[in-house]
Amino acid sequence: MKGFGGVVSFEVEGGREAMRQVVDRLRIGYRAANLGSVETVFGPPAFTSHVECTEAQRKELGISDTLIRYAVGLEDAEDLLSDLEEGLDGL
């Protein structure tokens, strides 16, 4: 392997419901807490990898309820960008 991986994190405006809408609209990749895969995986850490932390602990770590982690896999970049655009459309 050369270079680096592609993990991005972003927050959506509109609270938990808006975050859930975005995650539900994504068609490429898998919703998961584990980011170690060749396929694109994504998930809200507050409800996956950090679900056992208190709200105060998550806040201290910078993990909001609207944060989504998105680990880019081997899929076509244009397909992933289009999927993200559709997922974020309407917020």
N, C-alpha and C. Protein backbone atom coordinates (compact mmCIF):
# COMPACT_ATOMS: atom_id res chain seq x y z
N MET A 1 0.83 -1.18 0.00
CA MET A 1 0.00 0.00 0.00
C MET A 1 0.87 1.24 0.00
N LYS A 2 0.42 2.24 -0.67
CA LYS A 2 1.12 3.51 -0.71
C LYS A 2 0.15 4.61 -0.31
N GLY A 3 0.70 5.72 0.15
CA GLY A 3 -0.15 6.86 0.46
C GLY A 3 -0.87 6.69 1.78
N PHE A 4 -2.13 7.06 1.80
CA PHE A 4 -2.88 7.07 3.04
C PHE A 4 -4.33 6.66 2.76
N GLY A 5 -5.06 6.43 3.81
CA GLY A 5 -6.47 6.07 3.69
C GLY A 5 -7.33 7.30 3.58
N GLY A 6 -8.56 7.08 3.29
CA GLY A 6 -9.48 8.18 3.12
C GLY A 6 -10.64 8.11 4.09
N VAL A 7 -10.44 8.64 5.28
CA VAL A 7 -11.52 8.72 6.25
C VAL A 7 -11.84 10.18 6.47
N VAL A 8 -13.09 10.53 6.30
CA VAL A 8 -13.52 11.89 6.57
C VAL A 8 -14.63 11.85 7.60
N SER A 9 -14.75 12.90 8.33
CA SER A 9 -15.84 13.05 9.29
C SER A 9 -16.50 14.39 9.01
N PHE A 10 -17.82 14.39 9.11
CA PHE A 10 -18.54 15.64 8.91
C PHE A 10 -19.80 15.63 9.76
N GLU A 11 -20.27 16.81 10.09
CA GLU A 11 -21.50 16.96 10.85
C GLU A 11 -22.57 17.51 9.93
N VAL A 12 -23.80 17.10 10.17
CA VAL A 12 -24.92 17.63 9.41
C VAL A 12 -25.76 18.52 10.32
N GLU A 13 -26.30 19.57 9.75
CA GLU A 13 -27.18 20.45 10.50
C GLU A 13 -28.56 19.83 10.56
N GLY A 14 -29.28 20.08 11.65
CA GLY A 14 -30.64 19.59 11.74
C GLY A 14 -30.85 18.52 12.79
N GLY A 15 -29.83 18.23 13.56
CA GLY A 15 -29.97 17.28 14.65
C GLY A 15 -29.93 15.82 14.24
N ARG A 16 -30.29 14.96 15.20
CA ARG A 16 -30.21 13.51 14.99
C ARG A 16 -31.04 13.04 13.81
N GLU A 17 -32.23 13.59 13.66
CA GLU A 17 -33.11 13.15 12.56
C GLU A 17 -32.48 13.43 11.21
N ALA A 18 -31.86 14.60 11.05
CA ALA A 18 -31.19 14.91 9.79
C ALA A 18 -30.02 13.96 9.55
N MET A 19 -29.26 13.66 10.60
CA MET A 19 -28.14 12.72 10.47
C MET A 19 -28.67 11.35 10.03
N ARG A 20 -29.75 10.89 10.64
CA ARG A 20 -30.32 9.58 10.27
C ARG A 20 -30.81 9.58 8.83
N GLN A 21 -31.38 10.68 8.39
CA GLN A 21 -31.85 10.76 7.00
C GLN A 21 -30.69 10.62 6.03
N VAL A 22 -29.58 11.30 6.32
CA VAL A 22 -28.40 11.20 5.45
C VAL A 22 -27.92 9.76 5.40
N VAL A 23 -27.74 9.14 6.56
CA VAL A 23 -27.23 7.77 6.62
C VAL A 23 -28.18 6.82 5.89
N ASP A 24 -29.48 7.02 6.05
CA ASP A 24 -30.47 6.15 5.39
C ASP A 24 -30.47 6.32 3.88
N ARG A 25 -30.09 7.48 3.39
CA ARG A 25 -30.08 7.74 1.94
C ARG A 25 -28.86 7.20 1.23
N LEU A 26 -27.78 6.94 1.95
CA LEU A 26 -26.56 6.44 1.30
C LEU A 26 -26.80 5.03 0.79
N ARG A 27 -26.45 4.79 -0.45
CA ARG A 27 -26.69 3.50 -1.11
C ARG A 27 -25.40 2.71 -1.35
N ILE A 28 -24.27 3.39 -1.34
CA ILE A 28 -22.99 2.72 -1.57
C ILE A 28 -22.29 2.62 -0.23
N GLY A 29 -21.77 1.45 0.06
CA GLY A 29 -21.07 1.25 1.32
C GLY A 29 -21.97 0.59 2.34
N TYR A 30 -21.42 0.42 3.52
CA TYR A 30 -22.11 -0.29 4.59
C TYR A 30 -22.10 0.54 5.85
N ARG A 31 -23.20 0.52 6.56
CA ARG A 31 -23.27 1.18 7.87
C ARG A 31 -22.58 0.27 8.87
N ALA A 32 -21.54 0.77 9.51
CA ALA A 32 -20.76 -0.07 10.42
C ALA A 32 -19.99 0.79 11.41
N ALA A 33 -19.65 0.18 12.53
CA ALA A 33 -18.81 0.85 13.52
C ALA A 33 -17.33 0.66 13.19
N ASN A 34 -17.00 -0.43 12.52
CA ASN A 34 -15.63 -0.76 12.16
C ASN A 34 -15.29 -0.11 10.84
N LEU A 35 -14.19 0.63 10.78
CA LEU A 35 -13.81 1.30 9.54
C LEU A 35 -12.74 0.54 8.76
N GLY A 36 -12.46 -0.71 9.12
CA GLY A 36 -11.41 -1.47 8.46
C GLY A 36 -11.94 -2.40 7.39
N SER A 37 -12.12 -1.91 6.19
CA SER A 37 -12.65 -2.72 5.10
C SER A 37 -12.20 -2.13 3.78
N VAL A 38 -12.29 -2.91 2.70
CA VAL A 38 -11.98 -2.37 1.38
C VAL A 38 -13.20 -1.68 0.79
N GLU A 39 -14.39 -1.99 1.33
CA GLU A 39 -15.59 -1.31 0.90
C GLU A 39 -15.77 -0.03 1.71
N THR A 40 -16.50 0.91 1.15
CA THR A 40 -16.82 2.12 1.89
C THR A 40 -17.70 1.75 3.08
N VAL A 41 -17.36 2.27 4.23
CA VAL A 41 -18.17 2.06 5.43
C VAL A 41 -18.38 3.42 6.10
N PHE A 42 -19.51 3.56 6.76
CA PHE A 42 -19.84 4.83 7.38
C PHE A 42 -20.71 4.59 8.60
N GLY A 43 -20.74 5.57 9.46
CA GLY A 43 -21.61 5.45 10.62
C GLY A 43 -21.45 6.63 11.55
N PRO A 44 -22.48 6.85 12.35
CA PRO A 44 -22.41 7.89 13.37
C PRO A 44 -21.77 7.33 14.63
N PRO A 45 -20.58 7.78 15.00
CA PRO A 45 -19.89 7.23 16.16
C PRO A 45 -20.70 7.30 17.46
N ALA A 46 -21.54 8.32 17.60
CA ALA A 46 -22.33 8.44 18.83
C ALA A 46 -23.27 7.26 19.03
N PHE A 47 -23.60 6.57 17.94
CA PHE A 47 -24.54 5.45 18.01
C PHE A 47 -23.92 4.14 17.58
N THR A 48 -22.61 4.15 17.33
CA THR A 48 -21.91 2.91 16.95
C THR A 48 -20.69 2.73 17.85
N SER A 49 -19.55 3.19 17.41
CA SER A 49 -18.29 2.93 18.13
C SER A 49 -18.22 3.56 19.52
N HIS A 50 -18.95 4.65 19.75
CA HIS A 50 -18.88 5.35 21.04
C HIS A 50 -20.22 5.36 21.76
N VAL A 51 -21.06 4.39 21.45
CA VAL A 51 -22.39 4.34 22.04
C VAL A 51 -22.35 4.14 23.56
N GLU A 52 -21.30 3.52 24.05
CA GLU A 52 -21.21 3.26 25.49
C GLU A 52 -20.65 4.45 26.27
N CYS A 53 -20.18 5.47 25.59
CA CYS A 53 -19.72 6.69 26.28
C CYS A 53 -20.92 7.52 26.69
N THR A 54 -20.74 8.28 27.73
CA THR A 54 -21.78 9.22 28.11
C THR A 54 -21.76 10.39 27.14
N GLU A 55 -22.84 11.16 27.16
CA GLU A 55 -22.89 12.33 26.30
C GLU A 55 -21.75 13.30 26.63
N ALA A 56 -21.44 13.45 27.91
CA ALA A 56 -20.34 14.33 28.32
C ALA A 56 -19.00 13.81 27.80
N GLN A 57 -18.78 12.52 27.84
CA GLN A 57 -17.53 11.94 27.33
C GLN A 57 -17.42 12.16 25.82
N ARG A 58 -18.52 11.93 25.10
CA ARG A 58 -18.50 12.16 23.65
C ARG A 58 -18.23 13.62 23.34
N LYS A 59 -18.83 14.52 24.10
CA LYS A 59 -18.61 15.95 23.87
C LYS A 59 -17.15 16.30 24.08
N GLU A 60 -16.55 15.75 25.13
CA GLU A 60 -15.13 15.99 25.40
C GLU A 60 -14.25 15.49 24.26
N LEU A 61 -14.67 14.42 23.61
CA LEU A 61 -13.93 13.84 22.49
C LEU A 61 -14.25 14.52 21.16
N GLY A 62 -15.22 15.42 21.17
CA GLY A 62 -15.60 16.10 19.93
C GLY A 62 -16.54 15.30 19.07
N ILE A 63 -17.28 14.38 19.67
CA ILE A 63 -18.20 13.51 18.93
C ILE A 63 -19.63 13.96 19.20
N SER A 64 -20.21 14.64 18.24
CA SER A 64 -21.58 15.11 18.38
C SER A 64 -22.55 14.03 17.90
N ASP A 65 -23.82 14.23 18.18
CA ASP A 65 -24.84 13.29 17.72
C ASP A 65 -25.04 13.35 16.21
N THR A 66 -24.53 14.38 15.57
CA THR A 66 -24.72 14.54 14.13
C THR A 66 -23.45 14.24 13.32
N LEU A 67 -22.41 13.77 14.00
CA LEU A 67 -21.15 13.45 13.33
C LEU A 67 -21.28 12.12 12.58
N ILE A 68 -20.82 12.10 11.34
CA ILE A 68 -20.77 10.88 10.53
C ILE A 68 -19.33 10.65 10.12
N ARG A 69 -18.83 9.44 10.37
CA ARG A 69 -17.50 9.05 9.86
C ARG A 69 -17.74 8.29 8.57
N TYR A 70 -16.92 8.56 7.58
CA TYR A 70 -17.08 7.98 6.25
C TYR A 70 -15.71 7.53 5.77
N ALA A 71 -15.52 6.21 5.72
CA ALA A 71 -14.24 5.64 5.28
C ALA A 71 -14.38 5.20 3.83
N VAL A 72 -13.65 5.86 2.96
CA VAL A 72 -13.74 5.62 1.53
C VAL A 72 -13.11 4.27 1.18
N GLY A 73 -13.85 3.49 0.42
CA GLY A 73 -13.36 2.19 -0.02
C GLY A 73 -12.86 2.23 -1.46
N LEU A 74 -12.93 1.09 -2.11
CA LEU A 74 -12.39 0.95 -3.46
C LEU A 74 -13.39 1.26 -4.57
N GLU A 75 -14.59 1.67 -4.22
CA GLU A 75 -15.59 1.97 -5.23
C GLU A 75 -15.15 3.17 -6.07
N ASP A 76 -15.80 3.36 -7.19
CA ASP A 76 -15.50 4.48 -8.08
C ASP A 76 -15.75 5.80 -7.37
N ALA A 77 -14.80 6.71 -7.44
CA ALA A 77 -14.89 7.99 -6.74
C ALA A 77 -16.12 8.79 -7.16
N GLU A 78 -16.42 8.81 -8.44
CA GLU A 78 -17.59 9.57 -8.92
C GLU A 78 -18.89 8.98 -8.36
N ASP A 79 -18.96 7.65 -8.25
CA ASP A 79 -20.14 7.01 -7.67
C ASP A 79 -20.30 7.40 -6.20
N LEU A 80 -19.19 7.42 -5.47
CA LEU A 80 -19.24 7.79 -4.06
C LEU A 80 -19.65 9.24 -3.89
N LEU A 81 -19.09 10.14 -4.70
CA LEU A 81 -19.45 11.55 -4.61
C LEU A 81 -20.93 11.76 -4.93
N SER A 82 -21.41 11.09 -5.95
CA SER A 82 -22.82 11.20 -6.32
C SER A 82 -23.71 10.68 -5.20
N ASP A 83 -23.33 9.58 -4.58
CA ASP A 83 -24.09 9.01 -3.48
C ASP A 83 -24.13 9.97 -2.29
N LEU A 84 -23.00 10.57 -1.96
CA LEU A 84 -22.95 11.55 -0.87
C LEU A 84 -23.82 12.77 -1.18
N GLU A 85 -23.75 13.24 -2.41
CA GLU A 85 -24.58 14.40 -2.81
C GLU A 85 -26.06 14.07 -2.63
N GLU A 86 -26.48 12.88 -3.06
CA GLU A 86 -27.87 12.48 -2.89
C GLU A 86 -28.22 12.33 -1.42
N GLY A 87 -27.29 11.80 -0.63
CA GLY A 87 -27.55 11.64 0.79
C GLY A 87 -27.72 12.95 1.53
N LEU A 88 -26.98 13.97 1.08
CA LEU A 88 -27.03 15.29 1.73
C LEU A 88 -28.09 16.20 1.12
N ASP A 89 -28.63 15.83 -0.04
CA ASP A 89 -29.61 16.65 -0.72
C ASP A 89 -30.85 16.85 0.14
N GLY A 90 -31.29 18.06 0.23
CA GLY A 90 -32.52 18.36 0.93
C GLY A 90 -32.34 18.77 2.38
N LEU A 91 -31.11 18.80 2.87
CA LEU A 91 -30.92 19.22 4.27
C LEU A 91 -30.81 20.72 4.35
